[in-house]
Amino acid sequence: MILAAVVVAIVAVAAVIARMRVSAIAASALNRLRGKRSGHGHETSTCQCGQKYRVSGLGRHRIYWPEGAPESEPLMIPVCANCERPLPTS
């Protein structure tokens, strides 16, 4: 009985992980189709104030670079360098 419950739980977790991976792949493909990708696998994003950013990563692991900034100088916190609004983390 307990073994069967463990197997069911493992299968359920595997299904959730598979769905998450498919969702991330689908979102990336949609962004590419919409032209939201720039060089080196980065997406582009624009703050409400008009400041443009290169973006890499997903969710809380997103990294922002102001337009024209070198790879070695990302923002340390997800706040607009121009107007200090929070940048999206999803």
C-alpha atoms as a PDB file:
ATOM      1  CA  MET A   1       0.000   0.000   0.000  1.00  0.00           C
ATOM      2  CA  ILE A   2       2.647   2.512   1.022  1.00  0.00           C
ATOM      3  CA  LEU A   3       4.818   1.569  -1.966  1.00  0.00           C
ATOM      4  CA  ALA A   4       1.891   2.165  -4.326  1.00  0.00           C
ATOM      5  CA  ALA A   5       1.279   5.603  -2.786  1.00  0.00           C
ATOM      6  CA  VAL A   6       4.948   6.505  -3.183  1.00  0.00           C
ATOM      7  CA  VAL A   7       4.909   5.420  -6.834  1.00  0.00           C
ATOM      8  CA  VAL A   8       1.770   7.494  -7.482  1.00  0.00           C
ATOM      9  CA  ALA A   9       3.393  10.525  -5.841  1.00  0.00           C
ATOM     10  CA  ILE A  10       6.571  10.136  -7.905  1.00  0.00           C
ATOM     11  CA  VAL A  11       4.570   9.857 -11.127  1.00  0.00           C
ATOM     12  CA  ALA A  12       2.553  12.962 -10.195  1.00  0.00           C
ATOM     13  CA  VAL A  13       5.716  14.981  -9.497  1.00  0.00           C
ATOM     14  CA  ALA A  14       7.261  13.804 -12.783  1.00  0.00           C
ATOM     15  CA  ALA A  15       4.119  14.908 -14.647  1.00  0.00           C
ATOM     16  CA  VAL A  16       4.243  18.377 -13.059  1.00  0.00           C
ATOM     17  CA  ILE A  17       7.935  18.769 -13.939  1.00  0.00           C
ATOM     18  CA  ALA A  18       7.263  17.676 -17.524  1.00  0.00           C
ATOM     19  CA  ARG A  19       4.428  20.226 -17.840  1.00  0.00           C
ATOM     20  CA  MET A  20       6.693  22.981 -16.466  1.00  0.00           C
ATOM     21  CA  ARG A  21       9.401  22.149 -18.993  1.00  0.00           C
ATOM     22  CA  VAL A  22       6.905  22.101 -21.863  1.00  0.00           C
ATOM     23  CA  SER A  23       5.496  25.460 -20.695  1.00  0.00           C
ATOM     24  CA  ALA A  24       8.962  27.028 -20.579  1.00  0.00           C
ATOM     25  CA  ILE A  25       9.820  25.672 -24.032  1.00  0.00           C
ATOM     26  CA  ALA A  26       6.497  26.894 -25.442  1.00  0.00           C
ATOM     27  CA  ALA A  27       6.958  30.368 -23.927  1.00  0.00           C
ATOM     28  CA  SER A  28      10.467  30.595 -25.383  1.00  0.00           C
ATOM     29  CA  ALA A  29       9.210  29.522 -28.811  1.00  0.00           C
ATOM     30  CA  LEU A  30       6.389  32.078 -28.699  1.00  0.00           C
ATOM     31  CA  ASN A  31       8.834  34.847 -27.795  1.00  0.00           C
ATOM     32  CA  ARG A  32      11.047  33.885 -30.728  1.00  0.00           C
ATOM     33  CA  LEU A  33       8.044  33.892 -33.072  1.00  0.00           C
ATOM     34  CA  ARG A  34       7.011  37.306 -31.763  1.00  0.00           C
ATOM     35  CA  GLY A  35      10.510  38.659 -32.352  1.00  0.00           C
ATOM     36  CA  LYS A  36      11.257  39.263 -28.675  1.00  0.00           C
ATOM     37  CA  ARG A  37      14.695  37.671 -28.825  1.00  0.00           C
ATOM     38  CA  SER A  38      17.899  39.562 -29.351  1.00  0.00           C
ATOM     39  CA  GLY A  39      21.468  38.304 -29.690  1.00  0.00           C
ATOM     40  CA  HIS A  40      23.023  35.701 -27.368  1.00  0.00           C
ATOM     41  CA  GLY A  41      19.658  34.161 -26.395  1.00  0.00           C
ATOM     42  CA  HIS A  42      18.384  37.203 -24.517  1.00  0.00           C
ATOM     43  CA  GLU A  43      14.853  38.551 -24.644  1.00  0.00           C
ATOM     44  CA  THR A  44      14.096  42.249 -24.735  1.00  0.00           C
ATOM     45  CA  SER A  45      11.890  44.130 -22.291  1.00  0.00           C
ATOM     46  CA  THR A  46      10.828  47.750 -21.914  1.00  0.00           C
ATOM     47  CA  CYS A  47       9.896  49.461 -18.643  1.00  0.00           C
ATOM     48  CA  GLN A  48       6.780  51.655 -18.472  1.00  0.00           C
ATOM     49  CA  CYS A  49       9.087  54.704 -18.579  1.00  0.00           C
ATOM     50  CA  GLY A  50      10.602  53.575 -21.891  1.00  0.00           C
ATOM     51  CA  GLN A  51      13.955  52.235 -20.609  1.00  0.00           C
ATOM     52  CA  LYS A  52      14.906  49.133 -22.623  1.00  0.00           C
ATOM     53  CA  TYR A  53      16.570  46.021 -21.207  1.00  0.00           C
ATOM     54  CA  ARG A  54      18.077  42.735 -22.325  1.00  0.00           C
ATOM     55  CA  VAL A  55      16.660  39.936 -20.177  1.00  0.00           C
ATOM     56  CA  SER A  56      17.858  36.403 -19.511  1.00  0.00           C
ATOM     57  CA  GLY A  57      16.409  33.680 -17.284  1.00  0.00           C
ATOM     58  CA  LEU A  58      12.949  32.886 -15.948  1.00  0.00           C
ATOM     59  CA  GLY A  59      10.929  33.952 -12.916  1.00  0.00           C
ATOM     60  CA  ARG A  60      12.958  35.094  -9.942  1.00  0.00           C
ATOM     61  CA  HIS A  61      16.103  34.071 -11.830  1.00  0.00           C
ATOM     62  CA  ARG A  62      15.693  36.792 -14.476  1.00  0.00           C
ATOM     63  CA  ILE A  63      18.674  39.045 -15.055  1.00  0.00           C
ATOM     64  CA  TYR A  64      18.348  42.517 -16.605  1.00  0.00           C
ATOM     65  CA  TRP A  65      20.921  44.592 -18.479  1.00  0.00           C
ATOM     66  CA  PRO A  66      20.126  48.186 -19.443  1.00  0.00           C
ATOM     67  CA  GLU A  67      20.270  48.702 -23.205  1.00  0.00           C
ATOM     68  CA  GLY A  68      23.912  49.007 -24.280  1.00  0.00           C
ATOM     69  CA  ALA A  69      25.356  47.686 -21.002  1.00  0.00           C
ATOM     70  CA  PRO A  70      28.088  45.022 -21.269  1.00  0.00           C
ATOM     71  CA  GLU A  71      27.392  41.439 -20.138  1.00  0.00           C
ATOM     72  CA  SER A  72      29.531  42.067 -17.065  1.00  0.00           C
ATOM     73  CA  GLU A  73      27.222  44.847 -15.773  1.00  0.00           C
ATOM     74  CA  PRO A  74      23.701  43.492 -15.095  1.00  0.00           C
ATOM     75  CA  LEU A  75      21.330  45.168 -12.657  1.00  0.00           C
ATOM     76  CA  MET A  76      21.871  43.851  -9.150  1.00  0.00           C
ATOM     77  CA  ILE A  77      18.170  44.162  -8.250  1.00  0.00           C
ATOM     78  CA  PRO A  78      15.178  44.009 -10.648  1.00  0.00           C
ATOM     79  CA  VAL A  79      14.375  47.735 -10.426  1.00  0.00           C
ATOM     80  CA  CYS A  80      14.424  50.108 -13.411  1.00  0.00           C
ATOM     81  CA  ALA A  81      17.648  52.111 -13.544  1.00  0.00           C
ATOM     82  CA  ASN A  82      15.720  55.106 -14.889  1.00  0.00           C
ATOM     83  CA  CYS A  83      12.518  55.363 -12.819  1.00  0.00           C
ATOM     84  CA  GLU A  84      13.076  52.784 -10.016  1.00  0.00           C
ATOM     85  CA  ARG A  85       9.865  50.839 -10.831  1.00  0.00           C
ATOM     86  CA  PRO A  86      10.064  47.098 -10.116  1.00  0.00           C
ATOM     87  CA  LEU A  87      10.815  45.056 -13.249  1.00  0.00           C
ATOM     88  CA  PRO A  88       8.710  41.951 -13.970  1.00  0.00           C
ATOM     89  CA  THR A  89       9.944  38.666 -12.557  1.00  0.00           C
ATOM     90  CA  SER A  90       7.585  36.437 -14.487  1.00  0.00           C
END
